[in-house]
Amino acid sequence: MESKIMIVDDAMFMRMVIKRALKTVGYENFTEVGDGREALERYKEVRPDLVLLDITMPERSGLEVLDDILTEDPGARVIMCSALGQEAVIAQAIQRGARDFIVKPFKDEMLVQMVKVNLQA
């Protein structure tokens, strides 16, 4: 079965970078969401195997979306994506149930490895 990956980031460029990196190793089934308000609704529709979730977004923050997703599905696999300097927020995300985090900008290989590990977990 092909893994379903949902990418939630308000920057279209970042969604494109993530998809490009993951496509190089064979991932093809993506759902893209551009804001935190739409994320939970799309999660319910798609039921992805993994969510890559930006922390800083307009409307609803990544932490709020993380809480929403984990309330809907306590077993959800979520990797938080953050910019440098957000260490305190990353710690909060892990405490709230995120499986992992990656700091932007990241190397494609690092993202791919993290996705593979979290899909196998």
PDB file of N, CA and C in Angstrom:
ATOM      1  N   MET A   1       0.834  -1.190   0.000  1.00  0.00           N
ATOM      2  CA  MET A   1       0.000   0.000   0.000  1.00  0.00           C
ATOM      3  C   MET A   1       0.875   1.249   0.000  1.00  0.00           C
ATOM      4  N   GLU A   2       0.499   2.203  -0.809  1.00  0.00           N
ATOM      5  CA  GLU A   2       1.264   3.441  -0.907  1.00  0.00           C
ATOM      6  C   GLU A   2       0.952   4.358   0.267  1.00  0.00           C
ATOM      7  N   SER A   3       1.983   4.897   0.876  1.00  0.00           N
ATOM      8  CA  SER A   3       1.804   5.786   2.022  1.00  0.00           C
ATOM      9  C   SER A   3       1.194   7.117   1.587  1.00  0.00           C
ATOM     10  N   LYS A   4       0.221   7.584   2.380  1.00  0.00           N
ATOM     11  CA  LYS A   4      -0.413   8.879   2.135  1.00  0.00           C
ATOM     12  C   LYS A   4       0.242   9.906   3.059  1.00  0.00           C
ATOM     13  N   ILE A   5       0.757  10.969   2.469  1.00  0.00           N
ATOM     14  CA  ILE A   5       1.447  12.003   3.232  1.00  0.00           C
ATOM     15  C   ILE A   5       0.732  13.330   3.028  1.00  0.00           C
ATOM     16  N   MET A   6       0.392  13.982   4.136  1.00  0.00           N
ATOM     17  CA  MET A   6      -0.244  15.292   4.081  1.00  0.00           C
ATOM     18  C   MET A   6       0.787  16.350   4.476  1.00  0.00           C
ATOM     19  N   ILE A   7       0.925  17.364   3.640  1.00  0.00           N
ATOM     20  CA  ILE A   7       1.870  18.452   3.875  1.00  0.00           C
ATOM     21  C   ILE A   7       1.061  19.704   4.191  1.00  0.00           C
ATOM     22  N   VAL A   8       1.247  20.237   5.398  1.00  0.00           N
ATOM     23  CA  VAL A   8       0.517  21.441   5.815  1.00  0.00           C
ATOM     24  C   VAL A   8       1.535  22.557   6.011  1.00  0.00           C
ATOM     25  N   ASP A   9       1.523  23.513   5.102  1.00  0.00           N
ATOM     26  CA  ASP A   9       2.444  24.653   5.167  1.00  0.00           C
ATOM     27  C   ASP A   9       1.825  25.789   4.370  1.00  0.00           C
ATOM     28  N   ASP A  10       1.870  27.000   4.915  1.00  0.00           N
ATOM     29  CA  ASP A  10       1.280  28.125   4.204  1.00  0.00           C
ATOM     30  C   ASP A  10       2.134  28.579   3.021  1.00  0.00           C
ATOM     31  N   ALA A  11       3.387  28.165   2.959  1.00  0.00           N
ATOM     32  CA  ALA A  11       4.267  28.529   1.848  1.00  0.00           C
ATOM     33  C   ALA A  11       4.228  27.462   0.754  1.00  0.00           C
ATOM     34  N   MET A  12       3.688  27.824  -0.390  1.00  0.00           N
ATOM     35  CA  MET A  12       3.596  26.882  -1.503  1.00  0.00           C
ATOM     36  C   MET A  12       4.986  26.378  -1.888  1.00  0.00           C
ATOM     37  N   PHE A  13       5.974  27.243  -1.838  1.00  0.00           N
ATOM     38  CA  PHE A  13       7.334  26.848  -2.169  1.00  0.00           C
ATOM     39  C   PHE A  13       7.814  25.721  -1.256  1.00  0.00           C
ATOM     40  N   MET A  14       7.516  25.823   0.036  1.00  0.00           N
ATOM     41  CA  MET A  14       7.953  24.794   0.987  1.00  0.00           C
ATOM     42  C   MET A  14       7.251  23.471   0.705  1.00  0.00           C
ATOM     43  N   ARG A  15       5.971  23.515   0.394  1.00  0.00           N
ATOM     44  CA  ARG A  15       5.253  22.285   0.040  1.00  0.00           C
ATOM     45  C   ARG A  15       5.888  21.644  -1.189  1.00  0.00           C
ATOM     46  N   MET A  16       6.272  22.465  -2.147  1.00  0.00           N
ATOM     47  CA  MET A  16       6.903  21.969  -3.364  1.00  0.00           C
ATOM     48  C   MET A  16       8.265  21.334  -3.057  1.00  0.00           C
ATOM     49  N   VAL A  17       9.054  21.967  -2.188  1.00  0.00           N
ATOM     50  CA  VAL A  17      10.368  21.432  -1.808  1.00  0.00           C
ATOM     51  C   VAL A  17      10.216  20.064  -1.140  1.00  0.00           C
ATOM     52  N   ILE A  18       9.261  19.963  -0.231  1.00  0.00           N
ATOM     53  CA  ILE A  18       9.029  18.698   0.484  1.00  0.00           C
ATOM     54  C   ILE A  18       8.603  17.604  -0.494  1.00  0.00           C
ATOM     55  N   LYS A  19       7.651  17.916  -1.364  1.00  0.00           N
ATOM     56  CA  LYS A  19       7.197  16.920  -2.341  1.00  0.00           C
ATOM     57  C   LYS A  19       8.325  16.478  -3.252  1.00  0.00           C
ATOM     58  N   ARG A  20       9.105  17.410  -3.733  1.00  0.00           N
ATOM     59  CA  ARG A  20      10.212  17.076  -4.634  1.00  0.00           C
ATOM     60  C   ARG A  20      11.186  16.107  -3.951  1.00  0.00           C
ATOM     61  N   ALA A  21      11.529  16.409  -2.700  1.00  0.00           N
ATOM     62  CA  ALA A  21      12.469  15.553  -1.963  1.00  0.00           C
ATOM     63  C   ALA A  21      11.906  14.143  -1.795  1.00  0.00           C
ATOM     64  N   LEU A  22      10.636  14.040  -1.460  1.00  0.00           N
ATOM     65  CA  LEU A  22      10.036  12.735  -1.205  1.00  0.00           C
ATOM     66  C   LEU A  22       9.762  11.949  -2.490  1.00  0.00           C
ATOM     67  N   LYS A  23       9.506  12.660  -3.578  1.00  0.00           N
ATOM     68  CA  LYS A  23       9.294  11.982  -4.858  1.00  0.00           C
ATOM     69  C   LYS A  23      10.551  11.289  -5.345  1.00  0.00           C
ATOM     70  N   THR A  24      11.722  11.803  -4.982  1.00  0.00           N
ATOM     71  CA  THR A  24      12.978  11.201  -5.451  1.00  0.00           C
ATOM     72  C   THR A  24      13.167   9.780  -4.930  1.00  0.00           C
ATOM     73  N   VAL A  25      12.470   9.442  -3.832  1.00  0.00           N
ATOM     74  CA  VAL A  25      12.586   8.083  -3.285  1.00  0.00           C
ATOM     75  C   VAL A  25      11.287   7.291  -3.437  1.00  0.00           C
ATOM     76  N   GLY A  26      10.380   7.792  -4.283  1.00  0.00           N
ATOM     77  CA  GLY A  26       9.211   7.005  -4.642  1.00  0.00           C
ATOM     78  C   GLY A  26       7.885   7.371  -4.012  1.00  0.00           C
ATOM     79  N   TYR A  27       7.850   8.309  -3.087  1.00  0.00           N
ATOM     80  CA  TYR A  27       6.565   8.719  -2.527  1.00  0.00           C
ATOM     81  C   TYR A  27       5.820   9.543  -3.574  1.00  0.00           C
ATOM     82  N   GLU A  28       4.529   9.272  -3.717  1.00  0.00           N
ATOM     83  CA  GLU A  28       3.738   9.941  -4.759  1.00  0.00           C
ATOM     84  C   GLU A  28       2.378  10.435  -4.273  1.00  0.00           C
ATOM     85  N   ASN A  29       1.900   9.906  -3.155  1.00  0.00           N
ATOM     86  CA  ASN A  29       0.532  10.182  -2.723  1.00  0.00           C
ATOM     87  C   ASN A  29       0.520  11.314  -1.688  1.00  0.00           C
ATOM     88  N   PHE A  30       0.339  12.555  -2.181  1.00  0.00           N
ATOM     89  CA  PHE A  30       0.402  13.733  -1.316  1.00  0.00           C
ATOM     90  C   PHE A  30      -0.925  14.468  -1.282  1.00  0.00           C
ATOM     91  N   THR A  31      -1.221  15.018  -0.127  1.00  0.00           N
ATOM     92  CA  THR A  31      -2.298  15.984   0.028  1.00  0.00           C
ATOM     93  C   THR A  31      -1.644  17.250   0.541  1.00  0.00           C
ATOM     94  N   GLU A  32      -1.922  18.366  -0.125  1.00  0.00           N
ATOM     95  CA  GLU A  32      -1.346  19.638   0.288  1.00  0.00           C
ATOM     96  C   GLU A  32      -2.415  20.523   0.907  1.00  0.00           C
ATOM     97  N   VAL A  33      -2.049  21.154   2.010  1.00  0.00           N
ATOM     98  CA  VAL A  33      -2.954  22.073   2.689  1.00  0.00           C
ATOM     99  C   VAL A  33      -2.172  23.353   2.966  1.00  0.00           C
ATOM    100  N   GLY A  34      -2.789  24.500   2.643  1.00  0.00           N
ATOM    101  CA  GLY A  34      -2.094  25.771   2.754  1.00  0.00           C
ATOM    102  C   GLY A  34      -2.356  26.565   4.009  1.00  0.00           C
ATOM    103  N   ASP A  35      -3.260  26.085   4.859  1.00  0.00           N
ATOM    104  CA  ASP A  35      -3.487  26.825   6.110  1.00  0.00           C
ATOM    105  C   ASP A  35      -3.993  25.906   7.208  1.00  0.00           C
ATOM    106  N   GLY A  36      -3.825  26.367   8.428  1.00  0.00           N
ATOM    107  CA  GLY A  36      -4.188  25.571   9.588  1.00  0.00           C
ATOM    108  C   GLY A  36      -5.677  25.349   9.749  1.00  0.00           C
ATOM    109  N   ARG A  37      -6.468  26.253   9.205  1.00  0.00           N
ATOM    110  CA  ARG A  37      -7.906  26.115   9.351  1.00  0.00           C
ATOM    111  C   ARG A  37      -8.447  24.923   8.556  1.00  0.00           C
ATOM    112  N   GLU A  38      -7.878  24.689   7.402  1.00  0.00           N
ATOM    113  CA  GLU A  38      -8.337  23.604   6.529  1.00  0.00           C
ATOM    114  C   GLU A  38      -7.744  22.241   6.910  1.00  0.00           C
ATOM    115  N   ALA A  39      -6.677  22.238   7.692  1.00  0.00           N
ATOM    116  CA  ALA A  39      -5.901  21.023   7.937  1.00  0.00           C
ATOM    117  C   ALA A  39      -6.710  19.889   8.563  1.00  0.00           C
ATOM    118  N   LEU A  40      -7.481  20.171   9.602  1.00  0.00           N
ATOM    119  CA  LEU A  40      -8.226  19.102  10.267  1.00  0.00           C
ATOM    120  C   LEU A  40      -9.280  18.502   9.339  1.00  0.00           C
ATOM    121  N   GLU A  41      -9.967  19.358   8.600  1.00  0.00           N
ATOM    122  CA  GLU A  41     -10.997  18.875   7.676  1.00  0.00           C
ATOM    123  C   GLU A  41     -10.387  17.934   6.641  1.00  0.00           C
ATOM    124  N   ARG A  42      -9.253  18.317   6.070  1.00  0.00           N
ATOM    125  CA  ARG A  42      -8.574  17.489   5.082  1.00  0.00           C
ATOM    126  C   ARG A  42      -8.042  16.206   5.728  1.00  0.00           C
ATOM    127  N   TYR A  43      -7.571  16.309   6.983  1.00  0.00           N
ATOM    128  CA  TYR A  43      -7.091  15.118   7.679  1.00  0.00           C
ATOM    129  C   TYR A  43      -8.223  14.099   7.796  1.00  0.00           C
ATOM    130  N   LYS A  44      -9.400  14.561   8.186  1.00  0.00           N
ATOM    131  CA  LYS A  44     -10.545  13.659   8.336  1.00  0.00           C
ATOM    132  C   LYS A  44     -10.905  12.988   7.014  1.00  0.00           C
ATOM    133  N   GLU A  45     -10.817  13.732   5.915  1.00  0.00           N
ATOM    134  CA  GLU A  45     -11.154  13.196   4.594  1.00  0.00           C
ATOM    135  C   GLU A  45     -10.127  12.172   4.119  1.00  0.00           C
ATOM    136  N   VAL A  46      -8.853  12.498   4.274  1.00  0.00           N
ATOM    137  CA  VAL A  46      -7.780  11.724   3.667  1.00  0.00           C
ATOM    138  C   VAL A  46      -7.259  10.611   4.573  1.00  0.00           C
ATOM    139  N   ARG A  47      -7.239  10.851   5.889  1.00  0.00           N
ATOM    140  CA  ARG A  47      -6.647   9.917   6.857  1.00  0.00           C
ATOM    141  C   ARG A  47      -5.231   9.517   6.420  1.00  0.00           C
ATOM    142  N   PRO A  48      -4.332  10.506   6.335  1.00  0.00           N
ATOM    143  CA  PRO A  48      -2.975  10.207   5.878  1.00  0.00           C
ATOM    144  C   PRO A  48      -2.213   9.343   6.867  1.00  0.00           C
ATOM    145  N   ASP A  49      -1.182   8.689   6.367  1.00  0.00           N
ATOM    146  CA  ASP A  49      -0.310   7.879   7.214  1.00  0.00           C
ATOM    147  C   ASP A  49       0.673   8.752   7.986  1.00  0.00           C
ATOM    148  N   LEU A  50       0.944   9.954   7.447  1.00  0.00           N
ATOM    149  CA  LEU A  50       1.906  10.856   8.064  1.00  0.00           C
ATOM    150  C   LEU A  50       1.542  12.285   7.692  1.00  0.00           C
ATOM    151  N   VAL A  51       1.723  13.189   8.657  1.00  0.00           N
ATOM    152  CA  VAL A  51       1.491  14.616   8.425  1.00  0.00           C
ATOM    153  C   VAL A  51       2.799  15.362   8.672  1.00  0.00           C
ATOM    154  N   LEU A  52       3.176  16.195   7.718  1.00  0.00           N
ATOM    155  CA  LEU A  52       4.289  17.130   7.891  1.00  0.00           C
ATOM    156  C   LEU A  52       3.648  18.491   8.126  1.00  0.00           C
ATOM    157  N   LEU A  53       3.836  19.046   9.311  1.00  0.00           N
ATOM    158  CA  LEU A  53       3.053  20.198   9.759  1.00  0.00           C
ATOM    159  C   LEU A  53       3.947  21.364  10.142  1.00  0.00           C
ATOM    160  N   ASP A  54       3.772  22.478   9.453  1.00  0.00           N
ATOM    161  CA  ASP A  54       4.499  23.708   9.768  1.00  0.00           C
ATOM    162  C   ASP A  54       3.983  24.262  11.096  1.00  0.00           C
ATOM    163  N   ILE A  55       4.865  24.859  11.866  1.00  0.00           N
ATOM    164  CA  ILE A  55       4.454  25.432  13.150  1.00  0.00           C
ATOM    165  C   ILE A  55       3.849  26.818  12.982  1.00  0.00           C
ATOM    166  N   THR A  56       4.481  27.656  12.178  1.00  0.00           N
ATOM    167  CA  THR A  56       4.045  29.049  12.051  1.00  0.00           C
ATOM    168  C   THR A  56       3.196  29.221  10.801  1.00  0.00           C
ATOM    169  N   MET A  57       1.886  29.440  11.028  1.00  0.00           N
ATOM    170  CA  MET A  57       0.948  29.642   9.925  1.00  0.00           C
ATOM    171  C   MET A  57      -0.089  30.670  10.350  1.00  0.00           C
ATOM    172  N   PRO A  58      -0.679  31.366   9.382  1.00  0.00           N
ATOM    173  CA  PRO A  58      -1.792  32.260   9.728  1.00  0.00           C
ATOM    174  C   PRO A  58      -3.042  31.440  10.073  1.00  0.00           C
ATOM    175  N   GLU A  59      -4.000  32.083  10.656  1.00  0.00           N
ATOM    176  CA  GLU A  59      -5.292  31.478  11.040  1.00  0.00           C
ATOM    177  C   GLU A  59      -5.161  30.578  12.269  1.00  0.00           C
ATOM    178  N   ARG A  60      -4.507  29.428  12.120  1.00  0.00           N
ATOM    179  CA  ARG A  60      -4.290  28.503  13.241  1.00  0.00           C
ATOM    180  C   ARG A  60      -2.845  28.046  13.223  1.00  0.00           C
ATOM    181  N   SER A  61      -2.231  28.050  14.377  1.00  0.00           N
ATOM    182  CA  SER A  61      -0.829  27.644  14.456  1.00  0.00           C
ATOM    183  C   SER A  61      -0.709  26.126  14.297  1.00  0.00           C
ATOM    184  N   GLY A  62       0.501  25.693  14.013  1.00  0.00           N
ATOM    185  CA  GLY A  62       0.760  24.265  13.910  1.00  0.00           C
ATOM    186  C   GLY A  62       0.473  23.530  15.208  1.00  0.00           C
ATOM    187  N   LEU A  63       0.722  24.186  16.341  1.00  0.00           N
ATOM    188  CA  LEU A  63       0.423  23.543  17.632  1.00  0.00           C
ATOM    189  C   LEU A  63      -1.075  23.334  17.797  1.00  0.00           C
ATOM    190  N   GLU A  64      -1.876  24.305  17.386  1.00  0.00           N
ATOM    191  CA  GLU A  64      -3.332  24.144  17.466  1.00  0.00           C
ATOM    192  C   GLU A  64      -3.799  23.023  16.547  1.00  0.00           C
ATOM    193  N   VAL A  65      -3.228  22.976  15.350  1.00  0.00           N
ATOM    194  CA  VAL A  65      -3.590  21.931  14.396  1.00  0.00           C
ATOM    195  C   VAL A  65      -3.158  20.561  14.922  1.00  0.00           C
ATOM    196  N   LEU A  66      -1.972  20.496  15.506  1.00  0.00           N
ATOM    197  CA  LEU A  66      -1.496  19.247  16.112  1.00  0.00           C
ATOM    198  C   LEU A  66      -2.498  18.748  17.151  1.00  0.00           C
ATOM    199  N   ASP A  67      -2.938  19.653  18.038  1.00  0.00           N
ATOM    200  CA  ASP A  67      -3.927  19.279  19.051  1.00  0.00           C
ATOM    201  C   ASP A  67      -5.210  18.760  18.406  1.00  0.00           C
ATOM    202  N   ASP A  68      -5.680  19.456  17.362  1.00  0.00           N
ATOM    203  CA  ASP A  68      -6.905  19.047  16.659  1.00  0.00           C
ATOM    204  C   ASP A  68      -6.766  17.645  16.075  1.00  0.00           C
ATOM    205  N   ILE A  69      -5.656  17.414  15.385  1.00  0.00           N
ATOM    206  CA  ILE A  69      -5.446  16.121  14.731  1.00  0.00           C
ATOM    207  C   ILE A  69      -5.354  15.002  15.760  1.00  0.00           C
ATOM    208  N   LEU A  70      -4.609  15.235  16.838  1.00  0.00           N
ATOM    209  CA  LEU A  70      -4.453  14.183  17.856  1.00  0.00           C
ATOM    210  C   LEU A  70      -5.730  13.940  18.647  1.00  0.00           C
ATOM    211  N   THR A  71      -6.579  14.943  18.753  1.00  0.00           N
ATOM    212  CA  THR A  71      -7.890  14.747  19.379  1.00  0.00           C
ATOM    213  C   THR A  71      -8.749  13.860  18.476  1.00  0.00           C
ATOM    214  N   GLU A  72      -8.690  14.121  17.177  1.00  0.00           N
ATOM    215  CA  GLU A  72      -9.441  13.332  16.194  1.00  0.00           C
ATOM    216  C   GLU A  72      -8.885  11.914  16.086  1.00  0.00           C
ATOM    217  N   ASP A  73      -7.550  11.799  16.110  1.00  0.00           N
ATOM    218  CA  ASP A  73      -6.890  10.514  15.901  1.00  0.00           C
ATOM    219  C   ASP A  73      -5.641  10.441  16.784  1.00  0.00           C
ATOM    220  N   PRO A  74      -5.769   9.910  18.003  1.00  0.00           N
ATOM    221  CA  PRO A  74      -4.629   9.864  18.925  1.00  0.00           C
ATOM    222  C   PRO A  74      -3.407   9.104  18.387  1.00  0.00           C
ATOM    223  N   GLY A  75      -3.604   8.269  17.400  1.00  0.00           N
ATOM    224  CA  GLY A  75      -2.493   7.526  16.824  1.00  0.00           C
ATOM    225  C   GLY A  75      -1.846   8.206  15.623  1.00  0.00           C
ATOM    226  N   ALA A  76      -2.255   9.424  15.321  1.00  0.00           N
ATOM    227  CA  ALA A  76      -1.725  10.134  14.148  1.00  0.00           C
ATOM    228  C   ALA A  76      -0.219  10.313  14.258  1.00  0.00           C
ATOM    229  N   ARG A  77       0.431  10.211  13.123  1.00  0.00           N
ATOM    230  CA  ARG A  77       1.882  10.423  13.048  1.00  0.00           C
ATOM    231  C   ARG A  77       2.110  11.809  12.459  1.00  0.00           C
ATOM    232  N   VAL A  78       2.682  12.693  13.275  1.00  0.00           N
ATOM    233  CA  VAL A  78       2.892  14.085  12.858  1.00  0.00           C
ATOM    234  C   VAL A  78       4.345  14.466  13.078  1.00  0.00           C
ATOM    235  N   ILE A  79       4.957  15.000  12.030  1.00  0.00           N
ATOM    236  CA  ILE A  79       6.296  15.578  12.120  1.00  0.00           C
ATOM    237  C   ILE A  79       6.128  17.084  12.000  1.00  0.00           C
ATOM    238  N   MET A  80       6.636  17.808  12.972  1.00  0.00           N
ATOM    239  CA  MET A  80       6.553  19.263  12.953  1.00  0.00           C
ATOM    240  C   MET A  80       7.739  19.825  12.175  1.00  0.00           C
ATOM    241  N   CYS A  81       7.477  20.887  11.422  1.00  0.00           N
ATOM    242  CA  CYS A  81       8.526  21.589  10.676  1.00  0.00           C
ATOM    243  C   CYS A  81       8.601  23.006  11.227  1.00  0.00           C
ATOM    244  N   SER A  82       9.810  23.431  11.555  1.00  0.00           N
ATOM    245  CA  SER A  82       9.945  24.765  12.125  1.00  0.00           C
ATOM    246  C   SER A  82      11.187  25.455  11.601  1.00  0.00           C
ATOM    247  N   ALA A  83      11.191  26.757  11.734  1.00  0.00           N
ATOM    248  CA  ALA A  83      12.369  27.537  11.373  1.00  0.00           C
ATOM    249  C   ALA A  83      13.339  27.534  12.546  1.00  0.00           C
ATOM    250  N   LEU A  84      14.574  27.858  12.268  1.00  0.00           N
ATOM    251  CA  LEU A  84      15.569  27.975  13.331  1.00  0.00           C
ATOM    252  C   LEU A  84      15.084  28.937  14.405  1.00  0.00           C
ATOM    253  N   GLY A  85      15.451  28.673  15.642  1.00  0.00           N
ATOM    254  CA  GLY A  85      15.111  29.588  16.729  1.00  0.00           C
ATOM    255  C   GLY A  85      13.781  29.311  17.395  1.00  0.00           C
ATOM    256  N   GLN A  86      13.124  28.227  17.064  1.00  0.00           N
ATOM    257  CA  GLN A  86      11.827  27.907  17.663  1.00  0.00           C
ATOM    258  C   GLN A  86      11.930  26.689  18.573  1.00  0.00           C
ATOM    259  N   GLU A  87      13.041  26.553  19.257  1.00  0.00           N
ATOM    260  CA  GLU A  87      13.281  25.364  20.069  1.00  0.00           C
ATOM    261  C   GLU A  87      12.215  25.157  21.145  1.00  0.00           C
ATOM    262  N   ALA A  88      11.766  26.241  21.776  1.00  0.00           N
ATOM    263  CA  ALA A  88      10.741  26.113  22.825  1.00  0.00           C
ATOM    264  C   ALA A  88       9.432  25.584  22.246  1.00  0.00           C
ATOM    265  N   VAL A  89       9.082  26.035  21.075  1.00  0.00           N
ATOM    266  CA  VAL A  89       7.852  25.577  20.427  1.00  0.00           C
ATOM    267  C   VAL A  89       7.990  24.118  20.014  1.00  0.00           C
ATOM    268  N   ILE A  90       9.162  23.739  19.549  1.00  0.00           N
ATOM    269  CA  ILE A  90       9.404  22.340  19.182  1.00  0.00           C
ATOM    270  C   ILE A  90       9.218  21.446  20.400  1.00  0.00           C
ATOM    271  N   ALA A  91       9.765  21.866  21.538  1.00  0.00           N
ATOM    272  CA  ALA A  91       9.614  21.084  22.773  1.00  0.00           C
ATOM    273  C   ALA A  91       8.137  20.933  23.132  1.00  0.00           C
ATOM    274  N   GLN A  92       7.369  22.009  22.988  1.00  0.00           N
ATOM    275  CA  GLN A  92       5.921  21.937  23.250  1.00  0.00           C
ATOM    276  C   GLN A  92       5.252  20.934  22.322  1.00  0.00           C
ATOM    277  N   ALA A  93       5.639  20.963  21.062  1.00  0.00           N
ATOM    278  CA  ALA A  93       5.031  20.061  20.078  1.00  0.00           C
ATOM    279  C   ALA A  93       5.297  18.604  20.435  1.00  0.00           C
ATOM    280  N   ILE A  94       6.516  18.291  20.843  1.00  0.00           N
ATOM    281  CA  ILE A  94       6.852  16.919  21.229  1.00  0.00           C
ATOM    282  C   ILE A  94       6.060  16.518  22.481  1.00  0.00           C
ATOM    283  N   GLN A  95       5.959  17.426  23.446  1.00  0.00           N
ATOM    284  CA  GLN A  95       5.184  17.143  24.662  1.00  0.00           C
ATOM    285  C   GLN A  95       3.719  16.901  24.339  1.00  0.00           C
ATOM    286  N   ARG A  96       3.202  17.576  23.319  1.00  0.00           N
ATOM    287  CA  ARG A  96       1.796  17.441  22.948  1.00  0.00           C
ATOM    288  C   ARG A  96       1.524  16.214  22.090  1.00  0.00           C
ATOM    289  N   GLY A  97       2.590  15.558  21.599  1.00  0.00           N
ATOM    290  CA  GLY A  97       2.360  14.317  20.878  1.00  0.00           C
ATOM    291  C   GLY A  97       2.936  14.227  19.478  1.00  0.00           C
ATOM    292  N   ALA A  98       3.636  15.251  19.013  1.00  0.00           N
ATOM    293  CA  ALA A  98       4.294  15.136  17.710  1.00  0.00           C
ATOM    294  C   ALA A  98       5.328  14.022  17.795  1.00  0.00           C
ATOM    295  N   ARG A  99       5.482  13.287  16.720  1.00  0.00           N
ATOM    296  CA  ARG A  99       6.426  12.170  16.706  1.00  0.00           C
ATOM    297  C   ARG A  99       7.863  12.628  16.536  1.00  0.00           C
ATOM    298  N   ASP A 100       8.045  13.736  15.802  1.00  0.00           N
ATOM    299  CA  ASP A 100       9.389  14.178  15.464  1.00  0.00           C
ATOM    300  C   ASP A 100       9.317  15.622  14.993  1.00  0.00           C
ATOM    301  N   PHE A 101      10.470  16.197  14.699  1.00  0.00           N
ATOM    302  CA  PHE A 101      10.509  17.544  14.148  1.00  0.00           C
ATOM    303  C   PHE A 101      11.719  17.682  13.241  1.00  0.00           C
ATOM    304  N   ILE A 102      11.596  18.594  12.313  1.00  0.00           N
ATOM    305  CA  ILE A 102      12.704  18.912  11.429  1.00  0.00           C
ATOM    306  C   ILE A 102      12.784  20.429  11.334  1.00  0.00           C
ATOM    307  N   VAL A 103      14.013  20.943  11.366  1.00  0.00           N
ATOM    308  CA  VAL A 103      14.221  22.386  11.343  1.00  0.00           C
ATOM    309  C   VAL A 103      14.526  22.826   9.915  1.00  0.00           C
ATOM    310  N   LYS A 104      13.812  23.865   9.464  1.00  0.00           N
ATOM    311  CA  LYS A 104      14.040  24.443   8.136  1.00  0.00           C
ATOM    312  C   LYS A 104      15.148  25.481   8.238  1.00  0.00           C
ATOM    313  N   PRO A 105      15.989  25.584   7.251  1.00  0.00           N
ATOM    314  CA  PRO A 105      16.065  24.733   6.065  1.00  0.00           C
ATOM    315  C   PRO A 105      16.695  23.388   6.401  1.00  0.00           C
ATOM    316  N   PHE A 106      16.260  22.355   5.721  1.00  0.00           N
ATOM    317  CA  PHE A 106      16.766  21.013   6.001  1.00  0.00           C
ATOM    318  C   PHE A 106      17.352  20.414   4.730  1.00  0.00           C
ATOM    319  N   LYS A 107      18.168  19.410   4.903  1.00  0.00           N
ATOM    320  CA  LYS A 107      18.700  18.657   3.761  1.00  0.00           C
ATOM    321  C   LYS A 107      17.657  17.619   3.356  1.00  0.00           C
ATOM    322  N   ASP A 108      17.495  17.447   2.056  1.00  0.00           N
ATOM    323  CA  ASP A 108      16.510  16.494   1.547  1.00  0.00           C
ATOM    324  C   ASP A 108      16.692  15.112   2.150  1.00  0.00           C
ATOM    325  N   GLU A 109      17.949  14.658   2.273  1.00  0.00           N
ATOM    326  CA  GLU A 109      18.224  13.322   2.794  1.00  0.00           C
ATOM    327  C   GLU A 109      17.717  13.177   4.228  1.00  0.00           C
ATOM    328  N   MET A 110      17.848  14.246   4.998  1.00  0.00           N
ATOM    329  CA  MET A 110      17.399  14.218   6.388  1.00  0.00           C
ATOM    330  C   MET A 110      15.870  14.075   6.458  1.00  0.00           C
ATOM    331  N   LEU A 111      15.172  14.822   5.615  1.00  0.00           N
ATOM    332  CA  LEU A 111      13.715  14.738   5.555  1.00  0.00           C
ATOM    333  C   LEU A 111      13.281  13.342   5.141  1.00  0.00           C
ATOM    334  N   VAL A 112      13.885  12.808   4.098  1.00  0.00           N
ATOM    335  CA  VAL A 112      13.526  11.480   3.594  1.00  0.00           C
ATOM    336  C   VAL A 112      13.714  10.429   4.681  1.00  0.00           C
ATOM    337  N   GLN A 113      14.846  10.469   5.364  1.00  0.00           N
ATOM    338  CA  GLN A 113      15.121   9.498   6.425  1.00  0.00           C
ATOM    339  C   GLN A 113      14.079   9.600   7.542  1.00  0.00           C
ATOM    340  N   MET A 114      13.745  10.829   7.935  1.00  0.00           N
ATOM    341  CA  MET A 114      12.778  11.036   9.003  1.00  0.00           C
ATOM    342  C   MET A 114      11.396  10.507   8.605  1.00  0.00           C
ATOM    343  N   VAL A 115      11.003  10.741   7.368  1.00  0.00           N
ATOM    344  CA  VAL A 115       9.715  10.249   6.882  1.00  0.00           C
ATOM    345  C   VAL A 115       9.703   8.726   6.888  1.00  0.00           C
ATOM    346  N   LYS A 116      10.762   8.112   6.371  1.00  0.00           N
ATOM    347  CA  LYS A 116      10.829   6.646   6.339  1.00  0.00           C
ATOM    348  C   LYS A 116      10.725   6.053   7.746  1.00  0.00           C
ATOM    349  N   VAL A 117      11.479   6.601   8.683  1.00  0.00           N
ATOM    350  CA  VAL A 117      11.470   6.100  10.062  1.00  0.00           C
ATOM    351  C   VAL A 117      10.079   6.228  10.672  1.00  0.00           C
ATOM    352  N   ASN A 118       9.429   7.368  10.474  1.00  0.00           N
ATOM    353  CA  ASN A 118       8.126   7.586  11.097  1.00  0.00           C
ATOM    354  C   ASN A 118       7.008   6.809  10.428  1.00  0.00           C
ATOM    355  N   LEU A 119       7.164   6.473   9.175  1.00  0.00           N
ATOM    356  CA  LEU A 119       6.155   5.631   8.515  1.00  0.00           C
ATOM    357  C   LEU A 119       6.294   4.175   8.959  1.00  0.00           C
ATOM    358  N   GLN A 120       7.471   3.767   9.385  1.00  0.00           N
ATOM    359  CA  GLN A 120       7.688   2.395   9.841  1.00  0.00           C
ATOM    360  C   GLN A 120       7.330   2.221  11.305  1.00  0.00           C
ATOM    361  N   ALA A 121       7.275   3.313  12.047  1.00  0.00           N
ATOM    362  CA  ALA A 121       7.052   3.252  13.501  1.00  0.00           C
ATOM    363  C   ALA A 121       5.679   2.715  13.838  1.00  0.00           C
TER     364      ALA A 121
END
